[in-house]
N, C-alpha and C. Protein backbone atom coordinates (compact mmCIF):
# COMPACT_ATOMS: atom_id res chain seq x y z
N MET A 1 -7.02 4.00 23.57
CA MET A 1 -8.53 4.54 23.90
C MET A 1 -8.61 3.05 22.95
N GLN A 2 -9.85 3.58 23.74
CA GLN A 2 -11.25 2.80 24.04
C GLN A 2 -12.33 3.11 22.52
N ASP A 3 -12.84 4.20 22.44
CA ASP A 3 -13.47 5.03 21.82
C ASP A 3 -13.27 5.60 20.57
N PHE A 4 -13.72 5.19 19.52
CA PHE A 4 -12.88 5.35 18.08
C PHE A 4 -13.66 5.13 17.39
N ALA A 5 -13.49 5.59 15.27
CA ALA A 5 -13.62 5.69 15.04
C ALA A 5 -12.92 5.16 14.20
N ALA A 6 -13.10 3.83 13.00
CA ALA A 6 -12.20 4.12 11.62
C ALA A 6 -12.90 4.03 10.17
N ILE A 7 -11.70 4.94 9.32
CA ILE A 7 -12.46 4.99 8.01
C ILE A 7 -11.07 4.49 7.35
N ASP A 8 -11.58 4.06 6.47
CA ASP A 8 -10.77 2.68 5.16
C ASP A 8 -11.87 3.40 4.25
N PHE A 9 -10.07 3.88 3.00
CA PHE A 9 -10.92 4.05 1.72
C PHE A 9 -9.93 3.09 0.82
N GLU A 10 -11.31 2.50 -0.11
CA GLU A 10 -10.21 1.96 -1.37
C GLU A 10 -9.88 3.03 -2.59
N THR A 11 -9.10 2.38 -3.36
CA THR A 11 -9.52 4.11 -5.05
C THR A 11 -8.92 3.01 -5.35
N ALA A 12 -9.59 3.00 -6.31
CA ALA A 12 -9.46 1.66 -8.14
C ALA A 12 -8.56 2.32 -8.44
N ASN A 13 -7.76 3.48 -8.15
CA ASN A 13 -6.07 3.90 -9.85
C ASN A 13 -5.82 4.35 -8.53
N ASN A 14 -4.78 5.29 -9.81
CA ASN A 14 -4.40 6.50 -8.78
C ASN A 14 -4.31 7.81 -8.73
N GLU A 15 -6.01 7.65 -9.03
CA GLU A 15 -6.10 9.23 -8.53
C GLU A 15 -7.00 9.69 -7.01
N ARG A 16 -7.37 10.19 -6.91
CA ARG A 16 -7.63 10.67 -5.59
C ARG A 16 -9.37 10.45 -5.57
N SER A 17 -9.72 10.44 -6.77
CA SER A 17 -11.87 10.70 -6.82
C SER A 17 -11.47 9.50 -6.91
N SER A 18 -10.61 8.07 -7.03
CA SER A 18 -11.03 7.35 -7.57
C SER A 18 -11.92 6.30 -6.59
N VAL A 19 -12.62 7.14 -5.48
CA VAL A 19 -12.99 6.23 -4.26
C VAL A 19 -13.60 5.30 -5.01
N CYS A 20 -13.23 3.61 -4.41
CA CYS A 20 -14.02 2.61 -5.02
C CYS A 20 -14.70 1.78 -3.73
N SER A 21 -14.63 1.83 -2.78
CA SER A 21 -15.24 1.69 -1.92
C SER A 21 -14.44 2.24 0.06
N VAL A 22 -16.32 2.41 0.60
CA VAL A 22 -14.58 2.51 2.16
C VAL A 22 -15.68 2.07 2.75
N GLY A 23 -15.61 1.76 3.68
CA GLY A 23 -15.43 1.21 5.20
C GLY A 23 -15.13 2.11 6.62
N VAL A 24 -16.40 1.73 7.47
CA VAL A 24 -15.82 2.77 9.26
C VAL A 24 -16.27 1.40 9.98
N VAL A 25 -16.04 1.92 10.89
CA VAL A 25 -15.93 0.75 11.64
C VAL A 25 -15.95 1.91 13.45
N ILE A 26 -17.37 2.13 14.13
CA ILE A 26 -17.21 2.34 15.26
C ILE A 26 -16.75 1.60 16.62
N VAL A 27 -15.95 1.92 17.63
CA VAL A 27 -14.93 1.25 18.49
C VAL A 27 -15.87 1.91 19.55
N ARG A 28 -16.16 1.85 21.29
CA ARG A 28 -16.31 1.98 22.34
C ARG A 28 -15.76 0.86 22.94
N GLY A 29 -15.35 1.61 24.15
CA GLY A 29 -15.29 0.87 25.47
C GLY A 29 -14.14 -0.31 24.77
N GLY A 30 -13.33 0.06 23.44
CA GLY A 30 -12.58 -1.13 22.67
C GLY A 30 -12.85 -2.24 22.11
N GLU A 31 -14.85 -2.21 22.22
CA GLU A 31 -15.67 -3.49 21.36
C GLU A 31 -16.74 -3.17 20.12
N ILE A 32 -16.30 -3.08 19.30
CA ILE A 32 -17.00 -2.99 17.47
C ILE A 32 -18.64 -3.27 18.18
N VAL A 33 -18.74 -1.93 17.69
CA VAL A 33 -20.36 -1.52 18.21
C VAL A 33 -21.63 -0.77 16.76
N ASP A 34 -20.81 -0.85 15.99
CA ASP A 34 -20.96 -1.00 14.61
C ASP A 34 -19.98 -0.75 14.23
N LYS A 35 -21.03 -1.26 12.14
CA LYS A 35 -19.82 -1.24 10.91
C LYS A 35 -20.38 -0.68 10.04
N PHE A 36 -19.46 -0.03 9.28
CA PHE A 36 -20.34 0.07 7.79
C PHE A 36 -19.91 0.41 6.24
N TYR A 37 -20.24 -0.70 5.68
CA TYR A 37 -19.40 -0.97 3.52
C TYR A 37 -19.68 -0.58 3.00
N SER A 38 -20.03 0.40 1.33
CA SER A 38 -20.09 0.40 0.23
C SER A 38 -19.10 0.39 -0.34
N LEU A 39 -20.23 0.38 -1.66
CA LEU A 39 -18.90 -0.04 -2.86
C LEU A 39 -19.67 1.18 -3.16
N ILE A 40 -18.57 2.03 -4.27
CA ILE A 40 -19.02 3.48 -4.79
C ILE A 40 -18.04 3.15 -6.24
N LYS A 41 -18.92 3.73 -7.06
CA LYS A 41 -18.80 4.23 -8.30
C LYS A 41 -17.31 5.97 -9.16
N PRO A 42 -16.62 4.40 -9.48
CA PRO A 42 -15.08 5.56 -8.64
C PRO A 42 -15.30 6.85 -10.00
N GLU A 43 -15.12 7.98 -9.87
CA GLU A 43 -14.49 8.84 -10.65
C GLU A 43 -12.89 9.36 -10.82
N PRO A 44 -12.24 8.97 -12.35
CA PRO A 44 -13.06 8.68 -13.27
C PRO A 44 -12.95 7.06 -13.64
N GLU A 45 -13.76 6.31 -14.41
CA GLU A 45 -14.28 4.54 -13.95
C GLU A 45 -13.30 3.98 -15.00
N TYR A 46 -12.08 3.10 -14.60
CA TYR A 46 -11.17 2.68 -14.16
C TYR A 46 -10.46 1.99 -13.32
N TYR A 47 -10.02 0.86 -13.04
CA TYR A 47 -9.63 0.49 -12.40
C TYR A 47 -7.76 -0.65 -13.26
N ASN A 48 -6.73 -0.48 -12.10
CA ASN A 48 -5.34 -0.44 -12.19
C ASN A 48 -5.15 -1.75 -10.94
């Protein structure tokens, strides 16, 4: 597998809707060609 996208979500608590960050990496030919990371305000907004 030489070309793919990997996505990672981090949650703030046990709620599936509490995504607090997301990261994406694009790989082509076995090399990382692009990446993205962002913080997100989770709902509900409490942290474990």
